[in-house]
């Protein structure tokens, strides 16, 4: 197994990728800079891409933990690149160092763990957890 398994994912930041777009109500107020949640998604995508050669038929990788710091703001129009490099494998988990960069340098860093799962089993488990959502249980 290649201990230096790594991959990248990149995007050009749009207004849809900014923190201002995650507001759920008029009282939520966030700046129009690259959202931490979008940075995390890009980091996860890079790690998932790194694991693709290890997947068998009917398998995919899923994120199980992430611990990141978002250290610099990035404006729309900027190019952001995430890099995931495997640092260890313990039991069923693969741990990655994840970093994100814009044109000016590092904007985020952390650690992310992923596991390989059977797609059908994952979906079946999620279906068993499904409960009807009443109008009072939604996010507010």
N, C-alpha and C. Protein backbone atom coordinates (compact mmCIF):
# COMPACT_ATOMS: atom_id res chain seq x y z
N UNK A 1 0.84 -1.17 0.00
CA UNK A 1 0.00 0.00 0.00
C UNK A 1 0.89 1.24 0.00
N UNK A 2 0.59 2.18 -0.89
CA UNK A 2 1.37 3.42 -1.00
C UNK A 2 1.10 4.31 0.21
N UNK A 3 2.09 4.52 1.05
CA UNK A 3 1.89 5.32 2.25
C UNK A 3 1.74 6.80 1.92
N UNK A 4 2.14 7.22 0.73
CA UNK A 4 2.03 8.63 0.35
C UNK A 4 0.86 8.87 -0.59
N UNK A 5 -0.16 8.07 -0.49
CA UNK A 5 -1.34 8.22 -1.32
C UNK A 5 -1.89 9.63 -1.15
N UNK A 6 -2.08 10.35 -2.28
CA UNK A 6 -2.62 11.71 -2.20
C UNK A 6 -3.39 12.05 -3.45
N UNK A 7 -4.21 13.09 -3.34
CA UNK A 7 -4.98 13.59 -4.47
C UNK A 7 -5.38 15.03 -4.18
N UNK A 8 -5.91 15.68 -5.21
CA UNK A 8 -6.31 17.08 -5.11
C UNK A 8 -7.71 17.28 -5.65
N UNK A 9 -8.31 18.39 -5.26
CA UNK A 9 -9.57 18.86 -5.83
C UNK A 9 -9.49 20.38 -5.83
N UNK A 10 -10.04 21.00 -6.86
CA UNK A 10 -9.97 22.47 -6.91
C UNK A 10 -11.23 23.07 -7.50
N UNK A 11 -11.48 24.32 -7.14
CA UNK A 11 -12.61 25.07 -7.67
C UNK A 11 -12.22 26.54 -7.80
N UNK A 12 -13.00 27.25 -8.58
CA UNK A 12 -12.96 28.71 -8.58
C UNK A 12 -14.14 29.13 -7.71
N UNK A 13 -13.87 29.91 -6.68
CA UNK A 13 -14.90 30.30 -5.71
C UNK A 13 -15.93 31.20 -6.39
N UNK A 14 -17.20 30.82 -6.23
CA UNK A 14 -18.31 31.65 -6.71
C UNK A 14 -19.05 32.20 -5.49
N UNK A 15 -19.98 33.10 -5.73
CA UNK A 15 -20.79 33.64 -4.64
C UNK A 15 -21.54 32.52 -3.94
N UNK A 16 -21.91 31.47 -4.67
CA UNK A 16 -22.61 30.33 -4.08
C UNK A 16 -21.75 29.56 -3.07
N UNK A 17 -20.43 29.72 -3.15
CA UNK A 17 -19.50 29.04 -2.25
C UNK A 17 -19.18 29.86 -1.00
N UNK A 18 -19.82 31.02 -0.84
CA UNK A 18 -19.46 31.91 0.26
C UNK A 18 -20.31 31.66 1.51
N UNK A 19 -19.76 32.09 2.63
CA UNK A 19 -20.44 31.94 3.92
C UNK A 19 -21.78 32.66 3.93
N UNK A 20 -21.90 33.74 3.19
CA UNK A 20 -23.16 34.49 3.15
C UNK A 20 -24.31 33.64 2.64
N UNK A 21 -24.03 32.61 1.86
CA UNK A 21 -25.08 31.76 1.28
C UNK A 21 -25.57 30.66 2.20
N UNK A 22 -24.94 30.47 3.36
CA UNK A 22 -25.42 29.42 4.27
C UNK A 22 -26.48 29.91 5.24
N UNK A 23 -26.80 31.20 5.20
CA UNK A 23 -27.81 31.76 6.09
C UNK A 23 -29.15 31.06 5.87
N UNK A 24 -29.83 30.74 6.96
CA UNK A 24 -31.14 30.09 6.89
C UNK A 24 -32.28 31.05 7.21
N UNK A 25 -31.95 32.18 7.81
CA UNK A 25 -32.98 33.16 8.12
C UNK A 25 -32.40 34.56 7.92
N UNK A 26 -33.24 35.56 7.81
CA UNK A 26 -32.75 36.93 7.61
C UNK A 26 -31.85 37.44 8.73
N UNK A 27 -31.95 36.84 9.92
CA UNK A 27 -31.11 37.29 11.04
C UNK A 27 -29.72 36.67 11.02
N UNK A 28 -29.51 35.63 10.19
CA UNK A 28 -28.18 35.04 10.04
C UNK A 28 -27.36 35.97 9.15
N UNK A 29 -26.15 36.28 9.59
CA UNK A 29 -25.32 37.19 8.82
C UNK A 29 -23.89 36.67 8.74
N UNK A 30 -23.43 36.41 7.52
CA UNK A 30 -22.08 35.90 7.31
C UNK A 30 -21.45 36.66 6.15
N UNK A 31 -20.12 36.74 6.10
CA UNK A 31 -19.45 37.51 5.05
C UNK A 31 -19.44 36.78 3.71
N UNK A 32 -19.22 37.54 2.66
CA UNK A 32 -19.15 36.97 1.32
C UNK A 32 -17.70 36.57 1.01
N UNK A 33 -17.24 35.57 1.77
CA UNK A 33 -15.92 34.95 1.57
C UNK A 33 -16.13 33.44 1.55
N UNK A 34 -15.15 32.71 1.03
CA UNK A 34 -15.22 31.26 0.92
C UNK A 34 -15.62 30.65 2.25
N UNK A 35 -16.71 29.88 2.25
CA UNK A 35 -17.24 29.28 3.47
C UNK A 35 -16.38 28.14 3.97
N UNK A 36 -16.24 28.04 5.27
CA UNK A 36 -15.51 26.93 5.87
C UNK A 36 -16.13 25.59 5.45
N UNK A 37 -17.45 25.54 5.39
CA UNK A 37 -18.10 24.29 5.00
C UNK A 37 -17.73 23.88 3.57
N UNK A 38 -17.55 24.82 2.68
CA UNK A 38 -17.15 24.51 1.30
C UNK A 38 -15.67 24.08 1.27
N UNK A 39 -14.83 24.68 2.11
CA UNK A 39 -13.43 24.27 2.19
C UNK A 39 -13.35 22.83 2.68
N UNK A 40 -14.14 22.51 3.69
CA UNK A 40 -14.16 21.14 4.21
C UNK A 40 -14.63 20.16 3.13
N UNK A 41 -15.66 20.53 2.39
CA UNK A 41 -16.16 19.66 1.32
C UNK A 41 -15.07 19.42 0.28
N UNK A 42 -14.30 20.44 -0.06
CA UNK A 42 -13.22 20.28 -1.03
C UNK A 42 -12.12 19.38 -0.48
N UNK A 43 -11.81 19.51 0.80
CA UNK A 43 -10.83 18.64 1.45
C UNK A 43 -11.31 17.18 1.44
N UNK A 44 -12.59 16.98 1.76
CA UNK A 44 -13.14 15.62 1.74
C UNK A 44 -13.09 15.03 0.34
N UNK A 45 -13.40 15.84 -0.66
CA UNK A 45 -13.36 15.36 -2.04
C UNK A 45 -11.95 14.93 -2.43
N UNK A 46 -10.94 15.71 -2.02
CA UNK A 46 -9.56 15.34 -2.33
C UNK A 46 -9.21 14.00 -1.68
N UNK A 47 -9.61 13.79 -0.43
CA UNK A 47 -9.33 12.53 0.25
C UNK A 47 -10.08 11.37 -0.40
N UNK A 48 -11.32 11.61 -0.78
CA UNK A 48 -12.10 10.56 -1.47
C UNK A 48 -11.44 10.18 -2.79
N UNK A 49 -10.93 11.16 -3.50
CA UNK A 49 -10.23 10.87 -4.76
C UNK A 49 -8.97 10.06 -4.50
N UNK A 50 -8.28 10.34 -3.40
CA UNK A 50 -7.07 9.58 -3.07
C UNK A 50 -7.40 8.11 -2.82
N UNK A 51 -8.58 7.84 -2.30
CA UNK A 51 -8.97 6.47 -1.98
C UNK A 51 -9.55 5.71 -3.16
N UNK A 52 -9.90 6.37 -4.23
CA UNK A 52 -10.56 5.71 -5.36
C UNK A 52 -9.85 4.45 -5.85
N UNK A 53 -8.51 4.44 -5.95
CA UNK A 53 -7.85 3.22 -6.43
C UNK A 53 -8.00 2.01 -5.49
N UNK A 54 -8.41 2.26 -4.26
CA UNK A 54 -8.53 1.19 -3.26
C UNK A 54 -9.92 0.59 -3.20
N UNK A 55 -10.88 1.18 -3.91
CA UNK A 55 -12.27 0.75 -3.83
C UNK A 55 -12.56 -0.44 -4.72
N UNK A 56 -13.32 -1.38 -4.19
CA UNK A 56 -13.81 -2.50 -4.98
C UNK A 56 -15.16 -2.18 -5.57
N UNK A 57 -15.68 -3.08 -6.35
CA UNK A 57 -16.99 -2.88 -6.95
C UNK A 57 -18.04 -2.77 -5.86
N UNK A 58 -18.91 -1.77 -5.97
CA UNK A 58 -19.97 -1.56 -5.00
C UNK A 58 -19.51 -0.88 -3.72
N UNK A 59 -18.29 -0.36 -3.72
CA UNK A 59 -17.77 0.32 -2.53
C UNK A 59 -17.60 1.81 -2.80
N UNK A 60 -17.61 2.57 -1.72
CA UNK A 60 -17.25 3.98 -1.77
C UNK A 60 -16.60 4.32 -0.45
N UNK A 61 -16.02 5.51 -0.39
CA UNK A 61 -15.43 5.94 0.88
C UNK A 61 -16.32 7.01 1.49
N UNK A 62 -16.37 7.01 2.81
CA UNK A 62 -17.17 7.99 3.54
C UNK A 62 -16.31 8.66 4.60
N UNK A 63 -16.59 9.93 4.83
CA UNK A 63 -15.90 10.66 5.88
C UNK A 63 -16.46 10.27 7.23
N UNK A 64 -15.56 10.08 8.21
CA UNK A 64 -16.00 9.74 9.56
C UNK A 64 -15.57 10.77 10.60
N UNK A 65 -14.56 11.57 10.28
CA UNK A 65 -14.18 12.65 11.20
C UNK A 65 -13.36 13.68 10.44
N UNK A 66 -13.41 14.90 10.94
CA UNK A 66 -12.58 15.96 10.37
C UNK A 66 -12.30 16.98 11.45
N UNK A 67 -11.08 17.47 11.46
CA UNK A 67 -10.66 18.50 12.39
C UNK A 67 -9.82 19.49 11.61
N UNK A 68 -10.37 20.67 11.33
CA UNK A 68 -9.66 21.62 10.49
C UNK A 68 -9.66 23.01 11.11
N UNK A 69 -8.71 23.79 10.63
CA UNK A 69 -8.63 25.22 10.95
C UNK A 69 -8.72 25.97 9.63
N UNK A 70 -9.60 26.95 9.56
CA UNK A 70 -9.72 27.82 8.39
C UNK A 70 -9.03 29.11 8.77
N UNK A 71 -7.87 29.36 8.16
CA UNK A 71 -6.97 30.41 8.66
C UNK A 71 -6.91 31.68 7.84
N UNK A 72 -7.53 31.71 6.66
CA UNK A 72 -7.48 32.91 5.84
C UNK A 72 -8.74 33.02 4.99
N UNK A 73 -9.20 34.25 4.78
CA UNK A 73 -10.39 34.50 3.98
C UNK A 73 -10.03 34.53 2.49
N UNK A 74 -10.97 34.03 1.67
CA UNK A 74 -10.78 33.97 0.22
C UNK A 74 -12.01 34.55 -0.46
N UNK A 75 -11.80 35.45 -1.40
CA UNK A 75 -12.90 36.12 -2.10
C UNK A 75 -13.38 35.33 -3.32
N UNK A 76 -14.63 35.57 -3.73
CA UNK A 76 -15.11 34.96 -4.98
C UNK A 76 -14.18 35.32 -6.14
N UNK A 77 -14.04 34.39 -7.06
CA UNK A 77 -13.15 34.57 -8.20
C UNK A 77 -11.78 33.96 -7.99
N UNK A 78 -11.46 33.63 -6.73
CA UNK A 78 -10.18 33.02 -6.41
C UNK A 78 -10.21 31.53 -6.71
N UNK A 79 -9.06 30.99 -7.01
CA UNK A 79 -8.90 29.56 -7.24
C UNK A 79 -8.47 28.91 -5.92
N UNK A 80 -9.21 27.89 -5.47
CA UNK A 80 -8.87 27.17 -4.24
C UNK A 80 -8.59 25.72 -4.59
N UNK A 81 -7.51 25.22 -4.03
CA UNK A 81 -7.06 23.84 -4.26
C UNK A 81 -6.89 23.15 -2.92
N UNK A 82 -7.48 21.96 -2.80
CA UNK A 82 -7.32 21.15 -1.59
C UNK A 82 -6.46 19.95 -1.92
N UNK A 83 -5.58 19.61 -0.99
CA UNK A 83 -4.69 18.46 -1.14
C UNK A 83 -4.88 17.56 0.07
N UNK A 84 -5.06 16.26 -0.19
CA UNK A 84 -5.18 15.27 0.88
C UNK A 84 -4.07 14.25 0.72
N UNK A 85 -3.31 14.02 1.78
CA UNK A 85 -2.21 13.05 1.76
C UNK A 85 -2.39 12.09 2.93
N UNK A 86 -2.45 10.79 2.60
CA UNK A 86 -2.63 9.80 3.67
C UNK A 86 -1.42 9.82 4.60
N UNK A 87 -1.72 9.86 5.90
CA UNK A 87 -0.65 9.85 6.90
C UNK A 87 -0.61 8.55 7.68
N UNK A 88 -1.76 7.82 7.73
CA UNK A 88 -1.75 6.53 8.41
C UNK A 88 -3.03 5.76 8.09
N UNK A 89 -2.97 4.48 8.41
CA UNK A 89 -4.13 3.60 8.31
C UNK A 89 -4.21 2.83 9.60
N UNK A 90 -5.36 2.89 10.25
CA UNK A 90 -5.58 2.17 11.51
C UNK A 90 -6.90 1.43 11.42
N UNK A 91 -6.83 0.12 11.50
CA UNK A 91 -8.01 -0.74 11.36
C UNK A 91 -8.70 -0.40 10.05
N UNK A 92 -9.95 0.04 10.10
CA UNK A 92 -10.71 0.32 8.88
C UNK A 92 -10.65 1.79 8.46
N UNK A 93 -9.87 2.60 9.18
CA UNK A 93 -9.83 4.03 8.89
C UNK A 93 -8.52 4.46 8.25
N UNK A 94 -8.64 5.36 7.29
CA UNK A 94 -7.48 6.00 6.69
C UNK A 94 -7.48 7.46 7.10
N UNK A 95 -6.35 7.90 7.58
CA UNK A 95 -6.20 9.28 8.05
C UNK A 95 -5.41 10.08 7.03
N UNK A 96 -5.90 11.29 6.76
CA UNK A 96 -5.28 12.18 5.78
C UNK A 96 -4.92 13.51 6.40
N UNK A 97 -3.78 14.05 6.00
CA UNK A 97 -3.48 15.46 6.24
C UNK A 97 -4.18 16.19 5.11
N UNK A 98 -4.99 17.20 5.44
CA UNK A 98 -5.69 17.97 4.42
C UNK A 98 -5.25 19.43 4.52
N UNK A 99 -5.04 20.02 3.35
CA UNK A 99 -4.64 21.42 3.28
C UNK A 99 -5.39 22.07 2.13
N UNK A 100 -5.68 23.35 2.29
CA UNK A 100 -6.32 24.11 1.22
C UNK A 100 -5.51 25.38 0.98
N UNK A 101 -5.44 25.75 -0.29
CA UNK A 101 -4.63 26.90 -0.71
C UNK A 101 -5.43 27.77 -1.67
N UNK A 102 -5.22 29.08 -1.59
CA UNK A 102 -5.66 29.96 -2.66
C UNK A 102 -4.41 30.53 -3.31
N UNK A 103 -4.55 31.50 -4.19
CA UNK A 103 -3.39 32.04 -4.91
C UNK A 103 -2.33 32.64 -3.98
N UNK A 104 -2.75 33.08 -2.80
CA UNK A 104 -1.81 33.71 -1.87
C UNK A 104 -1.17 32.73 -0.90
N UNK A 105 -1.64 31.48 -0.86
CA UNK A 105 -1.03 30.50 0.03
C UNK A 105 -2.04 29.71 0.83
N UNK A 106 -1.58 29.15 1.93
CA UNK A 106 -2.38 28.26 2.77
C UNK A 106 -3.57 29.00 3.38
N UNK A 107 -4.77 28.39 3.27
CA UNK A 107 -5.96 28.97 3.89
C UNK A 107 -6.59 28.04 4.92
N UNK A 108 -6.18 26.77 4.93
CA UNK A 108 -6.74 25.84 5.90
C UNK A 108 -5.93 24.56 5.97
N UNK A 109 -5.98 23.94 7.14
CA UNK A 109 -5.23 22.71 7.34
C UNK A 109 -5.92 21.86 8.40
N UNK A 110 -5.68 20.57 8.36
CA UNK A 110 -6.27 19.71 9.37
C UNK A 110 -6.05 18.24 9.09
N UNK A 111 -6.89 17.41 9.73
CA UNK A 111 -6.83 15.96 9.58
C UNK A 111 -8.23 15.44 9.31
N UNK A 112 -8.30 14.44 8.45
CA UNK A 112 -9.58 13.87 8.03
C UNK A 112 -9.45 12.36 7.98
N UNK A 113 -10.46 11.65 8.50
CA UNK A 113 -10.48 10.19 8.45
C UNK A 113 -11.62 9.72 7.57
N UNK A 114 -11.36 8.67 6.80
CA UNK A 114 -12.35 8.08 5.90
C UNK A 114 -12.32 6.57 6.05
N UNK A 115 -13.45 5.95 5.71
CA UNK A 115 -13.57 4.49 5.73
C UNK A 115 -14.15 4.03 4.41
N UNK A 116 -13.80 2.80 4.02
CA UNK A 116 -14.39 2.18 2.84
C UNK A 116 -15.61 1.40 3.30
N UNK A 117 -16.75 1.62 2.62
CA UNK A 117 -17.99 0.94 2.97
C UNK A 117 -18.65 0.38 1.72
N UNK A 118 -19.52 -0.59 1.94
CA UNK A 118 -20.34 -1.13 0.88
C UNK A 118 -21.50 -0.15 0.65
N UNK A 119 -21.68 0.31 -0.59
CA UNK A 119 -22.69 1.31 -0.90
C UNK A 119 -24.10 0.85 -0.53
N UNK A 120 -24.45 -0.37 -0.89
CA UNK A 120 -25.79 -0.89 -0.60
C UNK A 120 -26.04 -0.96 0.90
N UNK A 121 -25.05 -1.41 1.63
CA UNK A 121 -25.21 -1.52 3.09
C UNK A 121 -25.37 -0.13 3.72
N UNK A 122 -24.61 0.85 3.24
CA UNK A 122 -24.71 2.22 3.76
C UNK A 122 -26.11 2.78 3.53
N UNK A 123 -26.62 2.65 2.33
CA UNK A 123 -27.95 3.19 2.00
C UNK A 123 -29.02 2.46 2.79
N UNK A 124 -28.91 1.13 2.93
CA UNK A 124 -29.89 0.36 3.71
C UNK A 124 -29.92 0.83 5.16
N UNK A 125 -28.75 1.06 5.72
CA UNK A 125 -28.68 1.55 7.10
C UNK A 125 -29.32 2.92 7.24
N UNK A 126 -29.08 3.79 6.26
CA UNK A 126 -29.69 5.12 6.30
C UNK A 126 -31.20 5.04 6.17
N UNK A 127 -31.68 4.14 5.32
CA UNK A 127 -33.13 3.96 5.16
C UNK A 127 -33.77 3.49 6.47
N UNK A 128 -33.11 2.62 7.20
CA UNK A 128 -33.66 2.13 8.47
C UNK A 128 -33.76 3.25 9.50
N UNK A 129 -32.91 4.25 9.38
CA UNK A 129 -32.93 5.37 10.33
C UNK A 129 -33.97 6.43 9.97
N UNK A 130 -34.49 6.36 8.78
CA UNK A 130 -35.43 7.39 8.30
C UNK A 130 -36.71 7.37 9.11
N UNK A 131 -37.10 8.56 9.53
CA UNK A 131 -38.35 8.73 10.25
C UNK A 131 -39.07 9.90 9.58
N UNK A 132 -40.39 9.87 9.59
CA UNK A 132 -41.11 11.03 9.04
C UNK A 132 -40.75 12.29 9.83
N UNK A 133 -40.52 13.36 9.13
CA UNK A 133 -40.17 14.62 9.78
C UNK A 133 -41.43 15.47 9.87
N UNK A 134 -41.78 15.86 11.10
CA UNK A 134 -42.93 16.74 11.28
C UNK A 134 -42.47 18.17 11.00
N UNK A 135 -43.41 19.05 10.85
CA UNK A 135 -43.08 20.45 10.56
C UNK A 135 -42.31 21.11 11.68
N UNK A 136 -42.35 20.57 12.88
CA UNK A 136 -41.67 21.19 14.01
C UNK A 136 -40.24 20.70 14.18
N UNK A 137 -39.80 19.70 13.35
CA UNK A 137 -38.46 19.16 13.54
C UNK A 137 -37.44 19.71 12.56
N UNK A 138 -37.80 20.62 11.70
CA UNK A 138 -36.87 21.15 10.71
C UNK A 138 -35.85 22.08 11.34
N UNK A 139 -34.82 22.37 10.60
CA UNK A 139 -33.78 23.31 11.05
C UNK A 139 -34.36 24.71 10.99
N UNK A 140 -34.09 25.48 12.00
CA UNK A 140 -34.61 26.85 12.05
C UNK A 140 -33.51 27.84 12.20
